[in-house]
Protein backbone atom coordinates (compact mmCIF):
# COMPACT_ATOMS: atom_id res chain seq x y z
CA UNK A 1 24.24 7.18 34.19
CA UNK A 2 21.16 7.84 35.07
CA UNK A 3 19.73 6.22 38.25
CA UNK A 4 16.32 5.44 39.85
CA UNK A 5 14.98 4.87 43.37
CA UNK A 6 16.79 4.17 46.06
CA UNK A 7 18.66 1.13 45.41
CA UNK A 8 20.89 3.41 42.96
CA UNK A 9 21.62 0.45 41.02
CA UNK A 10 22.39 2.24 37.27
CA UNK A 11 19.66 0.79 34.54
CA UNK A 12 21.56 -0.67 32.84
CA UNK A 13 22.16 -3.78 35.53
CA UNK A 14 18.61 -3.94 35.95
CA UNK A 15 15.96 -5.28 34.33
CA UNK A 16 13.62 -2.49 33.34
CA UNK A 17 10.42 -4.51 32.22
CA UNK A 18 6.69 -4.92 33.05
CA UNK A 19 6.97 -6.14 36.19
CA UNK A 20 10.08 -3.65 36.98
CA UNK A 21 7.68 -1.16 35.76
CA UNK A 22 4.29 -1.83 37.52
CA UNK A 23 6.10 -2.50 40.86
CA UNK A 24 8.49 1.12 40.56
CA UNK A 25 5.05 3.70 39.02
CA UNK A 26 2.06 1.85 39.11
CA UNK A 27 2.61 0.21 42.94
CA UNK A 28 2.84 3.40 45.03
CA UNK A 29 -0.02 5.06 42.83
CA UNK A 30 -2.40 2.18 43.28
CA UNK A 31 -0.93 2.69 47.27
CA UNK A 32 -2.56 6.04 47.05
CA UNK A 33 -5.98 4.80 45.58
CA UNK A 34 -6.99 6.43 43.14
CA UNK A 35 -8.71 4.66 40.47
CA UNK A 36 -5.89 3.63 38.49
CA UNK A 37 -5.57 -0.04 37.78
CA UNK A 38 -3.15 -2.36 36.44
CA UNK A 39 -3.70 -5.14 34.19
CA UNK A 40 -1.27 -7.72 33.67
CA UNK A 41 -1.33 -9.04 30.39
CA UNK A 42 -2.12 -12.84 30.15
CA UNK A 43 0.97 -14.21 28.14
CA UNK A 44 -0.47 -16.05 25.23
CA UNK A 45 -2.30 -12.84 24.68
CA UNK A 46 -1.09 -11.02 21.41
CA UNK A 47 -1.55 -7.28 20.02
CA UNK A 48 -3.45 -7.01 17.10
CA UNK A 49 -2.59 -4.45 14.48
CA UNK A 50 -5.88 -3.35 12.39
CA UNK A 51 -6.12 -1.88 9.26
CA UNK A 52 -8.00 -1.17 5.86
CA UNK A 53 -5.60 0.62 3.09
CA UNK A 54 -7.89 0.46 -0.01
CA UNK A 55 -6.19 2.04 -2.89
CA UNK A 56 -6.24 2.90 -6.29
CA UNK A 57 -3.56 3.16 -7.88
CA UNK A 58 -2.32 3.85 -11.78
CA UNK A 59 0.57 3.73 -13.33
CA UNK A 60 1.49 3.72 -17.39
CA UNK A 61 3.60 2.30 -19.67
CA UNK A 62 6.98 4.15 -20.59
CA UNK A 63 5.70 7.28 -22.77
CA UNK A 64 2.43 6.10 -22.41
CA UNK A 65 3.65 3.98 -25.24
CA UNK A 66 1.11 0.98 -26.31
CA UNK A 67 2.30 -1.72 -25.36
CA UNK A 68 -0.53 -4.11 -23.09
CA UNK A 69 -1.61 -5.68 -25.99
CA UNK A 70 -5.30 -6.83 -26.23
CA UNK A 71 -4.57 -10.83 -26.11
CA UNK A 72 -1.52 -10.06 -23.48
CA UNK A 73 -3.56 -8.35 -20.62
CA UNK A 74 -5.90 -10.55 -19.42
CA UNK A 75 -2.99 -13.00 -18.43
CA UNK A 76 -0.46 -9.70 -17.51
CA UNK A 77 -3.94 -8.54 -14.73
CA UNK A 78 -3.63 -12.08 -13.45
CA UNK A 79 -0.10 -11.78 -12.82
CA UNK A 80 0.27 -8.34 -11.35
CA UNK A 81 -2.76 -9.46 -9.33
CA UNK A 82 -0.50 -12.76 -7.96
CA UNK A 83 1.79 -9.85 -7.19
CA UNK A 84 -0.52 -8.33 -5.28
CA UNK A 85 -1.20 -11.48 -3.18
CA UNK A 86 2.23 -12.51 -3.01
CA UNK A 87 2.93 -9.18 -0.55
CA UNK A 88 0.00 -10.33 1.74
CA UNK A 89 -2.39 -7.94 0.20
CA UNK A 90 -5.39 -8.05 -1.73
CA UNK A 91 -6.04 -7.22 -5.37
CA UNK A 92 -9.96 -6.41 -5.73
CA UNK A 93 -9.53 -5.71 -9.44
CA UNK A 94 -6.49 -5.36 -12.16
CA UNK A 95 -7.78 -3.78 -15.49
CA UNK A 96 -6.45 -1.45 -17.91
CA UNK A 97 -5.61 -0.88 -21.58
CA UNK A 98 -3.15 -0.68 -24.28
CA UNK A 99 -0.77 2.15 -22.12
CA UNK A 100 -1.98 2.20 -18.71
CA UNK A 101 -3.60 -0.18 -15.65
CA UNK A 102 -5.50 0.93 -12.49
CA UNK A 103 -5.96 -1.58 -9.50
CA UNK A 104 -8.05 -1.46 -6.56
CA UNK A 105 -5.70 -3.27 -3.88
CA UNK A 106 -6.12 -3.15 -0.09
CA UNK A 107 -2.87 -2.99 1.35
CA UNK A 108 -0.93 -5.61 4.21
CA UNK A 109 -1.02 -3.20 7.43
CA UNK A 110 3.08 -3.50 7.15
CA UNK A 111 3.34 -2.59 3.55
CA UNK A 112 4.02 0.62 2.24
CA UNK A 113 2.40 1.92 -1.15
CA UNK A 114 5.71 2.80 -2.80
CA UNK A 115 7.21 -1.05 -1.40
CA UNK A 116 4.19 -2.71 -3.61
CA UNK A 117 4.43 -0.30 -6.66
CA UNK A 118 8.57 -1.47 -6.73
CA UNK A 119 8.09 -5.31 -6.04
CA UNK A 120 4.50 -5.02 -9.11
CA UNK A 121 6.45 -3.24 -11.29
CA UNK A 122 9.43 -4.83 -11.04
CA UNK A 123 7.85 -7.64 -11.35
CA UNK A 124 5.52 -7.53 -13.89
CA UNK A 125 7.77 -5.63 -16.30
CA UNK A 126 9.86 -8.81 -16.09
CA UNK A 127 7.28 -10.99 -16.77
CA UNK A 128 5.78 -8.54 -19.99
CA UNK A 129 9.53 -9.10 -21.32
CA UNK A 130 9.48 -12.77 -21.35
CA UNK A 131 6.62 -13.16 -23.06
CA UNK A 132 6.73 -13.78 -26.84
CA UNK A 133 5.49 -10.95 -29.18
CA UNK A 134 6.62 -8.37 -26.61
CA UNK A 135 9.86 -6.28 -26.51
CA UNK A 136 12.99 -6.54 -24.49
CA UNK A 137 13.21 -2.86 -23.61
CA UNK A 138 9.70 -2.94 -22.49
CA UNK A 139 9.40 -0.46 -18.98
CA UNK A 140 6.81 1.27 -17.15
CA UNK A 141 6.69 4.99 -16.55
CA UNK A 142 8.84 6.31 -13.68
CA UNK A 143 6.04 7.67 -11.61
CA UNK A 144 2.42 6.66 -10.22
CA UNK A 145 -0.31 7.63 -9.23
CA UNK A 146 -1.49 6.25 -5.66
CA UNK A 147 -5.03 7.28 -3.47
CA UNK A 148 -7.39 6.34 -0.95
CA UNK A 149 -10.52 4.76 -1.39
CA UNK A 150 -13.26 4.20 0.95
CA UNK A 151 -14.74 0.88 0.81
CA UNK A 152 -18.03 2.24 0.51
CA UNK A 153 -16.75 3.31 -2.40
CA UNK A 154 -15.25 0.28 -3.67
CA UNK A 155 -17.91 -1.57 -5.87
CA UNK A 156 -17.74 2.07 -7.73
CA UNK A 157 -14.04 1.41 -8.42
CA UNK A 158 -14.60 -1.59 -9.55
CA UNK A 159 -16.68 -0.64 -12.12
CA UNK A 160 -14.60 2.33 -12.90
CA UNK A 161 -11.42 -0.19 -13.50
CA UNK A 162 -13.93 -3.31 -15.27
CA UNK A 163 -15.04 -0.16 -17.76
CA UNK A 164 -11.63 1.18 -18.98
CA UNK A 165 -12.14 0.42 -22.42
CA UNK A 166 -15.17 2.40 -22.94
CA UNK A 167 -13.67 4.94 -21.17
CA UNK A 168 -10.74 5.42 -23.05
CA UNK A 169 -13.00 6.18 -26.22
CA UNK A 170 -13.46 9.49 -25.66
CA UNK A 171 -10.58 10.55 -22.62
CA UNK A 172 -6.81 9.98 -22.92
CA UNK A 173 -4.82 8.33 -20.11
CA UNK A 174 -3.54 12.12 -19.32
CA UNK A 175 -7.15 13.90 -18.93
CA UNK A 176 -8.39 10.78 -17.22
CA UNK A 177 -5.11 10.66 -14.74
CA UNK A 178 -5.76 14.67 -14.32
CA UNK A 179 -9.16 14.04 -13.32
CA UNK A 180 -8.13 11.90 -10.97
CA UNK A 181 -5.52 13.57 -9.27
CA UNK A 182 -8.56 16.92 -9.05
CA UNK A 183 -10.93 14.08 -7.65
CA UNK A 184 -8.51 13.43 -4.97
CA UNK A 185 -6.95 17.19 -4.35
CA UNK A 186 -3.40 16.23 -5.42
CA UNK A 187 -1.19 18.77 -7.70
CA UNK A 188 0.23 17.71 -10.28
CA UNK A 189 3.54 19.24 -11.73
CA UNK A 190 2.91 18.87 -15.54
CA UNK A 191 6.77 18.83 -16.00
CA UNK A 192 7.26 16.11 -14.20
CA UNK A 193 4.48 13.38 -13.89
CA UNK A 194 4.66 11.97 -17.09
CA UNK A 195 7.95 10.96 -17.59
């Protein structure tokens, strides 16, 4: 068993905490007067995690089938925004067309993008299946695109999502997705990206 110090008491039998650490490591250094100071943290102080993870999330219906009907979309987008909110993240915008969706999201610091996508796809798919006129076999594609966005580009991303209808008069989802990947220096393998 590893021991430390003149008392040679096993580490597992001692309390190795900030006080012990300060007395055994920092106190001798302070005696040398090297200008290194220890600072005791206030009991009620709280550590802070700061982040601003803004993402552009894109995914389609399975096989890019036109299953997101015009009259379904407004409520679906609202449901998706609420699902994002329930993960403690923030949806700035949700939009899309018949066969795919785009979301501008600020991720909560403790949430991975893959976790958010899993919850979002599962719950929104379930909601779609429960709507009258929807097919019980509705599914999203297996994959997705998740891209980092600078906060300064958020207004442009929101505008882009808002203009999906006009945008897709001249461009397919596949061409749009290829372009988004190209702009983000993300290589895609055409054999697997469209599942």
